[in-house]
Amino acid sequence: MKNERILLSHGGGGQRTSELIRNLMLPLLRNPILDRLDDSACLSMPGTELALTTDSYVVDPIFFPGGDIGRLAACGTINDLSMQAAEPLYMTLALILEEGLAVADLERLLSSFAAVLKETGVQVVTGDTKVVERGKGSGVYINTTGLGVRRYATSGSVAAARPGDAVLITGTLGDHGMAVMSRREGLRFESEIVSDVAPLWPMVRALLEALPEIHSLRDPTRGGLTAALCDIAQASKVAVRIRETAVPVNPAVRGACGLLGLDPLGVANEGKAVVVLPAKYADQALHLLRAMPLGREAAVIGEVIASPAGVALLRTTIGGERILTVPVGEDLPRIC
């Protein structure tokens, strides 16, 4: 890659992102923990299993229907820890502010951030603030690092799916990406599309406490459900097959995706989780999820099979089958 330049698509969660990580970053930084490429690093300490994650948020606009960059940063970090079956405990908060940002706007997004912390019991324990010149920061960027403790036997790893497992999604797809896109482009729809951004830990904790086995957890953020399923299939060396008719999508989101030529399966979510577990527990998991506010639209959408290994498949509404592939770049940049 030495003759290339960084493109927006290198940060899109697709093939170019994967190439940047695998061809440039991993060879220079690799170690057994980083090589797993999970959402959080699971760290072994004497008597304790920790999970550590970091992320940066550059969403444009910083306020959107259903949330803002503050709520997004808090939830995104908590959710990455949750996907490793780790209880989120501590967080760092680093702000890069643009000269001219209204203090009232900063207070509003920090209030959103704090509300998520209060809801989940997570504490910010250190941070940093920098200011850049006007016109060079898009208002505000946020970087966070989260630390959690793994208290359950489940690993949640994308490499733990097994043939015979059921695949569940905890709610409708594409709400976040379409909410941000509609505000950015000034689009108006009959029903307002609202971001699903929410902390997943309370729902995930209930699953972990009730069910003896959960194999894999993944939040379908950048790249949407398609990227999440491809990650699971490749890491676990299995095939994941889902049914298009079983995948829940809000009618307004489906209409917006149709208008913009997008596939709802590839649009980002910020309050949903893919849950992979033995099929015998699928009904119990579904009942539990639907009893919680974030899981009312949960559905069993497919199953894990042995082959073709490393491939995600979609059984279409007309009965055919096609391979799901992650886009090279990103259909909707600056979504998170």
C-alpha atoms as a PDB file:
ATOM      1  CA  MET A   1       0.000   0.000   0.000  1.00  0.00           C
ATOM      2  CA  LYS A   2       3.043   2.293   0.172  1.00  0.00           C
ATOM      3  CA  ASN A   3       2.148   4.118  -3.064  1.00  0.00           C
ATOM      4  CA  GLU A   4      -1.489   4.726  -2.116  1.00  0.00           C
ATOM      5  CA  ARG A   5      -3.124   7.627  -0.310  1.00  0.00           C
ATOM      6  CA  ILE A   6      -5.789   7.438   2.374  1.00  0.00           C
ATOM      7  CA  LEU A   7      -9.342   7.710   1.025  1.00  0.00           C
ATOM      8  CA  LEU A   8     -12.624   8.222   2.868  1.00  0.00           C
ATOM      9  CA  SER A   9     -13.439   4.597   2.039  1.00  0.00           C
ATOM     10  CA  HIS A  10     -10.463   3.441   4.149  1.00  0.00           C
ATOM     11  CA  GLY A  11     -12.537   4.409   7.201  1.00  0.00           C
ATOM     12  CA  GLY A  12     -15.779   2.884   5.985  1.00  0.00           C
ATOM     13  CA  GLY A  13     -15.589  -0.567   7.555  1.00  0.00           C
ATOM     14  CA  GLY A  14     -15.450  -2.351   4.174  1.00  0.00           C
ATOM     15  CA  GLN A  15     -12.757  -4.044   2.142  1.00  0.00           C
ATOM     16  CA  ARG A  16     -10.446  -1.020   2.084  1.00  0.00           C
ATOM     17  CA  THR A  17     -10.611  -0.740   5.869  1.00  0.00           C
ATOM     18  CA  SER A  18      -9.778  -4.433   6.151  1.00  0.00           C
ATOM     19  CA  GLU A  19      -6.850  -4.031   3.734  1.00  0.00           C
ATOM     20  CA  LEU A  20      -5.497  -1.051   5.704  1.00  0.00           C
ATOM     21  CA  ILE A  21      -5.658  -3.002   8.963  1.00  0.00           C
ATOM     22  CA  ARG A  22      -4.375  -6.330   7.655  1.00  0.00           C
ATOM     23  CA  ASN A  23      -1.747  -5.070   5.212  1.00  0.00           C
ATOM     24  CA  LEU A  24      -0.347  -2.070   7.102  1.00  0.00           C
ATOM     25  CA  MET A  25      -1.322  -1.955  10.767  1.00  0.00           C
ATOM     26  CA  LEU A  26      -1.236  -5.618  11.788  1.00  0.00           C
ATOM     27  CA  PRO A  27       2.210  -6.404  10.346  1.00  0.00           C
ATOM     28  CA  LEU A  28       3.680  -3.514  12.350  1.00  0.00           C
ATOM     29  CA  LEU A  29       1.706  -3.890  15.585  1.00  0.00           C
ATOM     30  CA  ARG A  30       0.652  -7.516  15.692  1.00  0.00           C
ATOM     31  CA  ASN A  31       0.355  -9.602  18.839  1.00  0.00           C
ATOM     32  CA  PRO A  32      -1.972 -12.470  19.808  1.00  0.00           C
ATOM     33  CA  ILE A  33      -4.550 -10.135  21.357  1.00  0.00           C
ATOM     34  CA  LEU A  34      -4.690  -7.658  18.473  1.00  0.00           C
ATOM     35  CA  ASP A  35      -4.690 -10.439  15.858  1.00  0.00           C
ATOM     36  CA  ARG A  36      -8.181 -11.550  16.938  1.00  0.00           C
ATOM     37  CA  LEU A  37      -9.629  -8.240  15.634  1.00  0.00           C
ATOM     38  CA  ASP A  38     -12.586  -8.386  18.033  1.00  0.00           C
ATOM     39  CA  ASP A  39     -14.467  -5.217  19.006  1.00  0.00           C
ATOM     40  CA  SER A  40     -12.703  -5.212  22.376  1.00  0.00           C
ATOM     41  CA  ALA A  41      -9.381  -6.625  23.480  1.00  0.00           C
ATOM     42  CA  CYS A  42      -9.847  -9.298  26.154  1.00  0.00           C
ATOM     43  CA  LEU A  43      -7.014  -8.998  28.658  1.00  0.00           C
ATOM     44  CA  SER A  44      -6.093 -11.636  31.242  1.00  0.00           C
ATOM     45  CA  MET A  45      -5.095 -10.327  34.659  1.00  0.00           C
ATOM     46  CA  PRO A  46      -4.563 -12.461  37.758  1.00  0.00           C
ATOM     47  CA  GLY A  47      -8.072 -13.561  38.719  1.00  0.00           C
ATOM     48  CA  THR A  48      -9.792 -11.139  36.315  1.00  0.00           C
ATOM     49  CA  GLU A  49     -10.723 -11.063  32.628  1.00  0.00           C
ATOM     50  CA  LEU A  50     -10.808  -7.518  31.244  1.00  0.00           C
ATOM     51  CA  ALA A  51     -12.041  -6.079  27.947  1.00  0.00           C
ATOM     52  CA  LEU A  52     -10.598  -2.891  26.470  1.00  0.00           C
ATOM     53  CA  THR A  53     -11.900  -0.968  23.463  1.00  0.00           C
ATOM     54  CA  THR A  54     -11.302   2.402  21.828  1.00  0.00           C
ATOM     55  CA  ASP A  55     -13.175   4.337  19.163  1.00  0.00           C
ATOM     56  CA  SER A  56     -13.424   7.764  17.528  1.00  0.00           C
ATOM     57  CA  TYR A  57     -16.636   9.486  16.457  1.00  0.00           C
ATOM     58  CA  VAL A  58     -16.845  11.904  13.535  1.00  0.00           C
ATOM     59  CA  VAL A  59     -20.556  11.766  12.654  1.00  0.00           C
ATOM     60  CA  ASP A  60     -21.901  14.555  10.451  1.00  0.00           C
ATOM     61  CA  PRO A  61     -24.176  16.252  11.484  1.00  0.00           C
ATOM     62  CA  ILE A  62     -23.417  16.151  15.201  1.00  0.00           C
ATOM     63  CA  PHE A  63     -27.148  16.354  16.008  1.00  0.00           C
ATOM     64  CA  PHE A  64     -29.567  13.987  14.273  1.00  0.00           C
ATOM     65  CA  PRO A  65     -33.055  12.559  14.906  1.00  0.00           C
ATOM     66  CA  GLY A  66     -32.874  10.351  17.976  1.00  0.00           C
ATOM     67  CA  GLY A  67     -29.439  11.387  19.189  1.00  0.00           C
ATOM     68  CA  ASP A  68     -26.202  13.294  18.830  1.00  0.00           C
ATOM     69  CA  ILE A  69     -22.472  12.648  18.779  1.00  0.00           C
ATOM     70  CA  GLY A  70     -22.349  12.580  22.589  1.00  0.00           C
ATOM     71  CA  ARG A  71     -24.926   9.831  22.970  1.00  0.00           C
ATOM     72  CA  LEU A  72     -23.383   7.989  20.023  1.00  0.00           C
ATOM     73  CA  ALA A  73     -19.888   8.006  21.576  1.00  0.00           C
ATOM     74  CA  ALA A  74     -21.075   6.727  24.944  1.00  0.00           C
ATOM     75  CA  CYS A  75     -23.295   4.020  23.472  1.00  0.00           C
ATOM     76  CA  GLY A  76     -20.790   2.921  20.856  1.00  0.00           C
ATOM     77  CA  THR A  77     -18.072   2.300  23.425  1.00  0.00           C
ATOM     78  CA  ILE A  78     -20.409   0.545  25.863  1.00  0.00           C
ATOM     79  CA  ASN A  79     -21.756  -1.617  23.050  1.00  0.00           C
ATOM     80  CA  ASP A  80     -18.304  -2.718  21.898  1.00  0.00           C
ATOM     81  CA  LEU A  81     -17.581  -3.963  25.420  1.00  0.00           C
ATOM     82  CA  SER A  82     -21.003  -5.594  25.631  1.00  0.00           C
ATOM     83  CA  MET A  83     -20.314  -7.597  22.475  1.00  0.00           C
ATOM     84  CA  GLN A  84     -17.426  -9.241  24.353  1.00  0.00           C
ATOM     85  CA  ALA A  85     -19.762 -10.180  27.221  1.00  0.00           C
ATOM     86  CA  ALA A  86     -17.966  -7.618  29.385  1.00  0.00           C
ATOM     87  CA  GLU A  87     -19.643  -5.370  31.926  1.00  0.00           C
ATOM     88  CA  PRO A  88     -18.665  -1.765  31.019  1.00  0.00           C
ATOM     89  CA  LEU A  89     -17.161   0.037  34.012  1.00  0.00           C
ATOM     90  CA  TYR A  90     -14.847   2.897  33.038  1.00  0.00           C
ATOM     91  CA  MET A  91     -14.369   5.219  30.097  1.00  0.00           C
ATOM     92  CA  THR A  92     -12.064   7.957  28.881  1.00  0.00           C
ATOM     93  CA  LEU A  93     -13.384  11.007  27.018  1.00  0.00           C
ATOM     94  CA  ALA A  94     -11.238  13.033  24.617  1.00  0.00           C
ATOM     95  CA  LEU A  95     -12.760  16.000  22.776  1.00  0.00           C
ATOM     96  CA  ILE A  96     -11.406  17.721  19.674  1.00  0.00           C
ATOM     97  CA  LEU A  97     -13.405  20.954  19.420  1.00  0.00           C
ATOM     98  CA  GLU A  98     -13.523  23.368  16.511  1.00  0.00           C
ATOM     99  CA  GLU A  99     -13.073  27.053  17.179  1.00  0.00           C
ATOM    100  CA  GLY A 100     -16.506  28.693  17.032  1.00  0.00           C
ATOM    101  CA  LEU A 101     -18.516  25.745  18.395  1.00  0.00           C
ATOM    102  CA  ALA A 102     -21.377  27.058  20.516  1.00  0.00           C
ATOM    103  CA  VAL A 103     -20.921  26.299  24.213  1.00  0.00           C
ATOM    104  CA  ALA A 104     -24.640  25.507  24.372  1.00  0.00           C
ATOM    105  CA  ASP A 105     -24.145  22.788  21.742  1.00  0.00           C
ATOM    106  CA  LEU A 106     -21.215  21.341  23.671  1.00  0.00           C
ATOM    107  CA  GLU A 107     -23.284  21.292  26.857  1.00  0.00           C
ATOM    108  CA  ARG A 108     -26.131  19.561  25.015  1.00  0.00           C
ATOM    109  CA  LEU A 109     -23.993  16.735  23.640  1.00  0.00           C
ATOM    110  CA  LEU A 110     -22.135  16.284  26.933  1.00  0.00           C
ATOM    111  CA  SER A 111     -25.498  16.041  28.690  1.00  0.00           C
ATOM    112  CA  SER A 112     -26.457  13.264  26.259  1.00  0.00           C
ATOM    113  CA  PHE A 113     -23.162  11.504  27.005  1.00  0.00           C
ATOM    114  CA  ALA A 114     -23.738  11.821  30.765  1.00  0.00           C
ATOM    115  CA  ALA A 115     -27.297  10.485  30.510  1.00  0.00           C
ATOM    116  CA  VAL A 116     -26.013   7.231  29.009  1.00  0.00           C
ATOM    117  CA  LEU A 117     -23.412   6.931  31.785  1.00  0.00           C
ATOM    118  CA  LYS A 118     -26.103   7.411  34.413  1.00  0.00           C
ATOM    119  CA  GLU A 119     -28.285   4.765  32.768  1.00  0.00           C
ATOM    120  CA  THR A 120     -25.493   2.170  32.692  1.00  0.00           C
ATOM    121  CA  GLY A 121     -23.392   3.042  35.758  1.00  0.00           C
ATOM    122  CA  VAL A 122     -20.260   3.650  33.672  1.00  0.00           C
ATOM    123  CA  GLN A 123     -17.845   6.333  34.918  1.00  0.00           C
ATOM    124  CA  VAL A 124     -15.594   8.679  32.945  1.00  0.00           C
ATOM    125  CA  VAL A 125     -12.293   8.572  34.834  1.00  0.00           C
ATOM    126  CA  THR A 126      -9.969  10.639  32.632  1.00  0.00           C
ATOM    127  CA  GLY A 127     -10.057  12.752  29.500  1.00  0.00           C
ATOM    128  CA  ASP A 128      -8.527  15.387  27.276  1.00  0.00           C
ATOM    129  CA  THR A 129      -9.661  18.467  25.342  1.00  0.00           C
ATOM    130  CA  LYS A 130      -8.082  20.083  22.284  1.00  0.00           C
ATOM    131  CA  VAL A 131      -9.283  22.963  20.070  1.00  0.00           C
ATOM    132  CA  VAL A 132      -8.467  23.257  16.347  1.00  0.00           C
ATOM    133  CA  GLU A 133      -8.812  26.245  14.039  1.00  0.00           C
ATOM    134  CA  ARG A 134     -12.177  27.234  12.609  1.00  0.00           C
ATOM    135  CA  GLY A 135     -13.035  25.175   9.540  1.00  0.00           C
ATOM    136  CA  LYS A 136     -10.808  22.212  10.473  1.00  0.00           C
ATOM    137  CA  GLY A 137     -12.913  20.181  12.888  1.00  0.00           C
ATOM    138  CA  SER A 138     -16.561  19.805  11.777  1.00  0.00           C
ATOM    139  CA  GLY A 139     -17.685  21.119  15.166  1.00  0.00           C
ATOM    140  CA  VAL A 140     -16.485  18.309  17.402  1.00  0.00           C
ATOM    141  CA  TYR A 141     -14.812  14.912  17.220  1.00  0.00           C
ATOM    142  CA  ILE A 142     -14.871  12.517  20.180  1.00  0.00           C
ATOM    143  CA  ASN A 143     -12.493   9.719  21.117  1.00  0.00           C
ATOM    144  CA  THR A 144     -13.297   7.237  23.877  1.00  0.00           C
ATOM    145  CA  THR A 145     -11.681   4.218  25.471  1.00  0.00           C
ATOM    146  CA  GLY A 146     -13.747   1.784  27.490  1.00  0.00           C
ATOM    147  CA  LEU A 147     -12.730  -0.803  30.095  1.00  0.00           C
ATOM    148  CA  GLY A 148     -14.949  -3.663  31.213  1.00  0.00           C
ATOM    149  CA  VAL A 149     -14.829  -6.857  33.250  1.00  0.00           C
ATOM    150  CA  ARG A 150     -15.861 -10.224  31.869  1.00  0.00           C
ATOM    151  CA  ARG A 151     -17.972 -11.988  34.490  1.00  0.00           C
ATOM    152  CA  TYR A 152     -19.638 -14.621  32.312  1.00  0.00           C
ATOM    153  CA  ALA A 153     -18.433 -17.852  30.713  1.00  0.00           C
ATOM    154  CA  THR A 154     -19.509 -16.647  27.275  1.00  0.00           C
ATOM    155  CA  SER A 155     -16.785 -15.036  25.165  1.00  0.00           C
ATOM    156  CA  GLY A 156     -19.069 -13.387  22.609  1.00  0.00           C
ATOM    157  CA  SER A 157     -16.288 -13.778  20.053  1.00  0.00           C
ATOM    158  CA  VAL A 158     -17.072 -13.670  16.342  1.00  0.00           C
ATOM    159  CA  ALA A 159     -14.897 -16.806  16.075  1.00  0.00           C
ATOM    160  CA  ALA A 160     -17.182 -18.916  18.289  1.00  0.00           C
ATOM    161  CA  ALA A 161     -20.188 -19.579  15.982  1.00  0.00           C
ATOM    162  CA  ARG A 162     -20.903 -23.261  15.312  1.00  0.00           C
ATOM    163  CA  PRO A 163     -22.962 -25.189  12.724  1.00  0.00           C
ATOM    164  CA  GLY A 164     -26.458 -25.707  14.093  1.00  0.00           C
ATOM    165  CA  ASP A 165     -26.583 -22.290  15.781  1.00  0.00           C
ATOM    166  CA  ALA A 166     -29.484 -19.901  15.286  1.00  0.00           C
ATOM    167  CA  VAL A 167     -28.908 -16.278  14.268  1.00  0.00           C
ATOM    168  CA  LEU A 168     -31.027 -13.554  15.877  1.00  0.00           C
ATOM    169  CA  ILE A 169     -31.199  -9.795  15.382  1.00  0.00           C
ATOM    170  CA  THR A 170     -32.500  -7.710  18.272  1.00  0.00           C
ATOM    171  CA  GLY A 171     -34.491  -5.213  16.177  1.00  0.00           C
ATOM    172  CA  THR A 172     -35.059  -3.389  12.919  1.00  0.00           C
ATOM    173  CA  LEU A 173     -32.169  -2.556  10.618  1.00  0.00           C
ATOM    174  CA  GLY A 174     -30.871   0.682   9.133  1.00  0.00           C
ATOM    175  CA  ASP A 175     -32.522   3.193  11.474  1.00  0.00           C
ATOM    176  CA  HIS A 176     -29.333   4.990  12.505  1.00  0.00           C
ATOM    177  CA  GLY A 177     -27.781   5.315   9.063  1.00  0.00           C
ATOM    178  CA  MET A 178     -30.979   6.566   7.488  1.00  0.00           C
ATOM    179  CA  ALA A 179     -31.683   9.007  10.350  1.00  0.00           C
ATOM    180  CA  VAL A 180     -28.258  10.619   9.930  1.00  0.00           C
ATOM    181  CA  MET A 181     -28.507  10.586   6.141  1.00  0.00           C
ATOM    182  CA  SER A 182     -31.964  12.158   6.100  1.00  0.00           C
ATOM    183  CA  ARG A 183     -30.801  15.037   8.301  1.00  0.00           C
ATOM    184  CA  ARG A 184     -27.574  15.513   6.348  1.00  0.00           C
ATOM    185  CA  GLU A 185     -29.313  15.628   2.986  1.00  0.00           C
ATOM    186  CA  GLY A 186     -32.446  17.469   4.160  1.00  0.00           C
ATOM    187  CA  LEU A 187     -34.706  14.582   3.140  1.00  0.00           C
ATOM    188  CA  ARG A 188     -38.303  14.472   4.352  1.00  0.00           C
ATOM    189  CA  PHE A 189     -40.357  11.302   4.702  1.00  0.00           C
ATOM    190  CA  GLU A 190     -43.957  10.646   5.731  1.00  0.00           C
ATOM    191  CA  SER A 191     -42.720   9.102   8.986  1.00  0.00           C
ATOM    192  CA  GLU A 192     -39.601  10.549  10.599  1.00  0.00           C
ATOM    193  CA  ILE A 193     -36.741   8.089  10.766  1.00  0.00           C
ATOM    194  CA  VAL A 194     -35.127   8.110  14.215  1.00  0.00           C
ATOM    195  CA  SER A 195     -31.731   6.699  15.116  1.00  0.00           C
ATOM    196  CA  ASP A 196     -31.704   3.541  17.225  1.00  0.00           C
ATOM    197  CA  VAL A 197     -28.595   4.662  19.167  1.00  0.00           C
ATOM    198  CA  ALA A 198     -28.811   3.043  22.611  1.00  0.00           C
ATOM    199  CA  PRO A 199     -26.629   1.226  25.176  1.00  0.00           C
ATOM    200  CA  LEU A 200     -26.955  -2.536  24.695  1.00  0.00           C
ATOM    201  CA  TRP A 201     -25.443  -3.700  27.984  1.00  0.00           C
ATOM    202  CA  PRO A 202     -28.695  -4.001  30.021  1.00  0.00           C
ATOM    203  CA  MET A 203     -30.218  -6.203  27.306  1.00  0.00           C
ATOM    204  CA  VAL A 204     -27.044  -8.255  26.795  1.00  0.00           C
ATOM    205  CA  ARG A 205     -26.630  -8.761  30.541  1.00  0.00           C
ATOM    206  CA  ALA A 206     -30.163 -10.157  30.762  1.00  0.00           C
ATOM    207  CA  LEU A 207     -29.353 -12.630  27.976  1.00  0.00           C
ATOM    208  CA  LEU A 208     -26.085 -13.693  29.591  1.00  0.00           C
ATOM    209  CA  GLU A 209     -27.740 -14.255  32.959  1.00  0.00           C
ATOM    210  CA  ALA A 210     -30.665 -16.232  31.544  1.00  0.00           C
ATOM    211  CA  LEU A 211     -29.032 -18.426  28.924  1.00  0.00           C
ATOM    212  CA  PRO A 212     -26.273 -20.990  29.518  1.00  0.00           C
ATOM    213  CA  GLU A 213     -24.746 -20.611  26.057  1.00  0.00           C
ATOM    214  CA  ILE A 214     -24.305 -17.662  23.727  1.00  0.00           C
ATOM    215  CA  HIS A 215     -21.633 -18.231  21.137  1.00  0.00           C
ATOM    216  CA  SER A 216     -21.191 -14.913  19.284  1.00  0.00           C
ATOM    217  CA  LEU A 217     -22.302 -11.311  19.712  1.00  0.00           C
ATOM    218  CA  ARG A 218     -21.813  -8.505  17.195  1.00  0.00           C
ATOM    219  CA  ASP A 219     -23.291  -5.033  16.831  1.00  0.00           C
ATOM    220  CA  PRO A 220     -23.938  -4.316  13.136  1.00  0.00           C
ATOM    221  CA  THR A 221     -22.554  -0.775  12.970  1.00  0.00           C
ATOM    222  CA  ARG A 222     -20.544   0.306   9.889  1.00  0.00           C
ATOM    223  CA  GLY A 223     -21.300  -2.101   7.062  1.00  0.00           C
ATOM    224  CA  GLY A 224     -24.542  -3.076   8.768  1.00  0.00           C
ATOM    225  CA  LEU A 225     -25.793  -6.632   9.142  1.00  0.00           C
ATOM    226  CA  THR A 226     -23.901  -7.723   6.032  1.00  0.00           C
ATOM    227  CA  ALA A 227     -20.497  -6.830   7.496  1.00  0.00           C
ATOM    228  CA  ALA A 228     -21.373  -8.393  10.865  1.00  0.00           C
ATOM    229  CA  LEU A 229     -22.398 -11.700   9.283  1.00  0.00           C
ATOM    230  CA  CYS A 230     -19.342 -11.781   7.038  1.00  0.00           C
ATOM    231  CA  ASP A 231     -17.104 -11.194  10.071  1.00  0.00           C
ATOM    232  CA  ILE A 232     -18.731 -14.082  11.944  1.00  0.00           C
ATOM    233  CA  ALA A 233     -18.596 -16.448   8.968  1.00  0.00           C
ATOM    234  CA  GLN A 234     -14.940 -15.718   8.230  1.00  0.00           C
ATOM    235  CA  ALA A 235     -13.704 -15.764  11.837  1.00  0.00           C
ATOM    236  CA  SER A 236     -15.628 -18.930  12.741  1.00  0.00           C
ATOM    237  CA  LYS A 237     -14.909 -20.682   9.406  1.00  0.00           C
ATOM    238  CA  VAL A 238     -18.600 -21.454   8.911  1.00  0.00           C
ATOM    239  CA  ALA A 239     -21.403 -20.294   6.641  1.00  0.00           C
ATOM    240  CA  VAL A 240     -24.173 -18.022   7.906  1.00  0.00           C
ATOM    241  CA  ARG A 241     -27.451 -18.182   5.996  1.00  0.00           C
ATOM    242  CA  ILE A 242     -30.285 -15.732   6.649  1.00  0.00           C
ATOM    243  CA  ARG A 243     -33.780 -15.318   5.224  1.00  0.00           C
ATOM    244  CA  GLU A 244     -34.610 -11.937   3.705  1.00  0.00           C
ATOM    245  CA  THR A 245     -38.272 -12.299   4.697  1.00  0.00           C
ATOM    246  CA  ALA A 246     -37.301 -12.712   8.363  1.00  0.00           C
ATOM    247  CA  VAL A 247     -35.154  -9.559   8.610  1.00  0.00           C
ATOM    248  CA  PRO A 248     -37.086  -6.701  10.292  1.00  0.00           C
ATOM    249  CA  VAL A 249     -36.869  -3.312   8.552  1.00  0.00           C
ATOM    250  CA  ASN A 250     -39.053  -0.281   9.263  1.00  0.00           C
ATOM    251  CA  PRO A 251     -41.153   0.660   6.193  1.00  0.00           C
ATOM    252  CA  ALA A 252     -39.811   4.233   6.247  1.00  0.00           C
ATOM    253  CA  VAL A 253     -36.218   2.966   6.280  1.00  0.00           C
ATOM    254  CA  ARG A 254     -36.947   0.524   3.474  1.00  0.00           C
ATOM    255  CA  GLY A 255     -38.474   3.342   1.434  1.00  0.00           C
ATOM    256  CA  ALA A 256     -35.535   5.674   2.087  1.00  0.00           C
ATOM    257  CA  CYS A 257     -33.054   2.968   1.137  1.00  0.00           C
ATOM    258  CA  GLY A 258     -34.992   2.333  -2.064  1.00  0.00           C
ATOM    259  CA  LEU A 259     -34.933   6.048  -2.888  1.00  0.00           C
ATOM    260  CA  LEU A 260     -31.167   6.239  -2.345  1.00  0.00           C
ATOM    261  CA  GLY A 261     -30.326   2.905  -3.938  1.00  0.00           C
ATOM    262  CA  LEU A 262     -29.104   1.350  -0.670  1.00  0.00           C
ATOM    263  CA  ASP A 263     -29.532  -2.124   0.802  1.00  0.00           C
ATOM    264  CA  PRO A 264     -30.932  -1.956   4.390  1.00  0.00           C
ATOM    265  CA  LEU A 265     -28.713  -4.923   5.284  1.00  0.00           C
ATOM    266  CA  GLY A 266     -25.628  -2.774   4.682  1.00  0.00           C
ATOM    267  CA  VAL A 267     -26.762   0.357   6.564  1.00  0.00           C
ATOM    268  CA  ALA A 268     -25.301   1.175   9.992  1.00  0.00           C
ATOM    269  CA  ASN A 269     -27.100   0.502  13.276  1.00  0.00           C
ATOM    270  CA  GLU A 270     -26.158   1.760  16.746  1.00  0.00           C
ATOM    271  CA  GLY A 271     -28.619  -0.021  19.039  1.00  0.00           C
ATOM    272  CA  LYS A 272     -28.912  -3.548  17.667  1.00  0.00           C
ATOM    273  CA  ALA A 273     -27.028  -6.800  18.196  1.00  0.00           C
ATOM    274  CA  VAL A 274     -26.564 -10.017  16.267  1.00  0.00           C
ATOM    275  CA  VAL A 275     -26.867 -12.964  18.661  1.00  0.00           C
ATOM    276  CA  VAL A 276     -25.615 -16.426  17.672  1.00  0.00           C
ATOM    277  CA  LEU A 277     -26.493 -19.300  19.979  1.00  0.00           C
ATOM    278  CA  PRO A 278     -27.506 -22.986  19.860  1.00  0.00           C
ATOM    279  CA  ALA A 279     -30.848 -23.365  18.081  1.00  0.00           C
ATOM    280  CA  LYS A 280     -32.438 -25.047  21.127  1.00  0.00           C
ATOM    281  CA  TYR A 281     -32.191 -21.722  22.994  1.00  0.00           C
ATOM    282  CA  ALA A 282     -33.521 -19.538  20.165  1.00  0.00           C
ATOM    283  CA  ASP A 283     -37.151 -19.391  21.357  1.00  0.00           C
ATOM    284  CA  GLN A 284     -36.084 -18.621  24.928  1.00  0.00           C
ATOM    285  CA  ALA A 285     -33.782 -15.846  23.727  1.00  0.00           C
ATOM    286  CA  LEU A 286     -36.488 -14.397  21.479  1.00  0.00           C
ATOM    287  CA  HIS A 287     -39.042 -14.370  24.309  1.00  0.00           C
ATOM    288  CA  LEU A 288     -36.568 -12.654  26.609  1.00  0.00           C
ATOM    289  CA  LEU A 289     -35.571 -10.045  24.031  1.00  0.00           C
ATOM    290  CA  ARG A 290     -39.135  -9.150  23.086  1.00  0.00           C
ATOM    291  CA  ALA A 291     -39.938  -8.471  26.736  1.00  0.00           C
ATOM    292  CA  MET A 292     -37.366  -5.633  26.782  1.00  0.00           C
ATOM    293  CA  PRO A 293     -37.777  -2.184  25.166  1.00  0.00           C
ATOM    294  CA  LEU A 294     -34.777  -2.541  22.845  1.00  0.00           C
ATOM    295  CA  GLY A 295     -35.766  -6.042  21.748  1.00  0.00           C
ATOM    296  CA  ARG A 296     -39.449  -5.700  20.872  1.00  0.00           C
ATOM    297  CA  GLU A 297     -38.755  -6.258  17.166  1.00  0.00           C
ATOM    298  CA  ALA A 298     -36.256  -9.092  17.700  1.00  0.00           C
ATOM    299  CA  ALA A 299     -36.367 -11.956  15.206  1.00  0.00           C
ATOM    300  CA  VAL A 300     -34.708 -15.244  14.359  1.00  0.00           C
ATOM    301  CA  ILE A 301     -33.295 -14.519  10.902  1.00  0.00           C
ATOM    302  CA  GLY A 302     -31.189 -17.527   9.993  1.00  0.00           C
ATOM    303  CA  GLU A 303     -28.821 -20.280  10.961  1.00  0.00           C
ATOM    304  CA  VAL A 304     -25.170 -21.282  10.931  1.00  0.00           C
ATOM    305  CA  ILE A 305     -24.170 -24.142   8.623  1.00  0.00           C
ATOM    306  CA  ALA A 306     -20.871 -25.846   7.937  1.00  0.00           C
ATOM    307  CA  SER A 307     -20.272 -24.773   4.347  1.00  0.00           C
ATOM    308  CA  PRO A 308     -19.351 -22.925   2.267  1.00  0.00           C
ATOM    309  CA  ALA A 309     -17.017 -21.867   5.067  1.00  0.00           C
ATOM    310  CA  GLY A 310     -16.380 -18.150   5.443  1.00  0.00           C
ATOM    311  CA  VAL A 311     -19.448 -17.106   3.457  1.00  0.00           C
ATOM    312  CA  ALA A 312     -22.652 -15.258   4.410  1.00  0.00           C
ATOM    313  CA  LEU A 313     -25.710 -16.176   2.329  1.00  0.00           C
ATOM    314  CA  LEU A 314     -29.100 -14.514   1.822  1.00  0.00           C
ATOM    315  CA  ARG A 315     -32.205 -16.521   0.919  1.00  0.00           C
ATOM    316  CA  THR A 316     -34.125 -13.902  -1.080  1.00  0.00           C
ATOM    317  CA  THR A 317     -37.838 -13.170  -1.027  1.00  0.00           C
ATOM    318  CA  ILE A 318     -38.260 -14.912  -4.381  1.00  0.00           C
ATOM    319  CA  GLY A 319     -36.578 -18.092  -3.152  1.00  0.00           C
ATOM    320  CA  GLY A 320     -33.120 -17.665  -4.653  1.00  0.00           C
ATOM    321  CA  GLU A 321     -29.872 -17.414  -2.772  1.00  0.00           C
ATOM    322  CA  ARG A 322     -27.005 -14.965  -3.099  1.00  0.00           C
ATOM    323  CA  ILE A 323     -23.707 -14.315  -1.372  1.00  0.00           C
ATOM    324  CA  LEU A 324     -23.538 -11.269   0.885  1.00  0.00           C
ATOM    325  CA  THR A 325     -20.393  -9.244   0.280  1.00  0.00           C
ATOM    326  CA  VAL A 326     -18.998  -6.296   2.196  1.00  0.00           C
ATOM    327  CA  PRO A 327     -18.701  -3.160   0.022  1.00  0.00           C
ATOM    328  CA  VAL A 328     -15.206  -1.960  -0.870  1.00  0.00           C
ATOM    329  CA  GLY A 329     -15.748   1.378   0.856  1.00  0.00           C
ATOM    330  CA  GLU A 330     -18.697   2.932   2.608  1.00  0.00           C
ATOM    331  CA  ASP A 331     -22.077   3.832   1.110  1.00  0.00           C
ATOM    332  CA  LEU A 332     -22.683   6.433   3.846  1.00  0.00           C
ATOM    333  CA  PRO A 333     -19.517   8.072   5.239  1.00  0.00           C
ATOM    334  CA  ARG A 334     -19.417   9.938   8.577  1.00  0.00           C
ATOM    335  CA  ILE A 335     -22.281   7.897  10.066  1.00  0.00           C
ATOM    336  CA  CYS A 336     -20.552   7.250  13.406  1.00  0.00           C
END
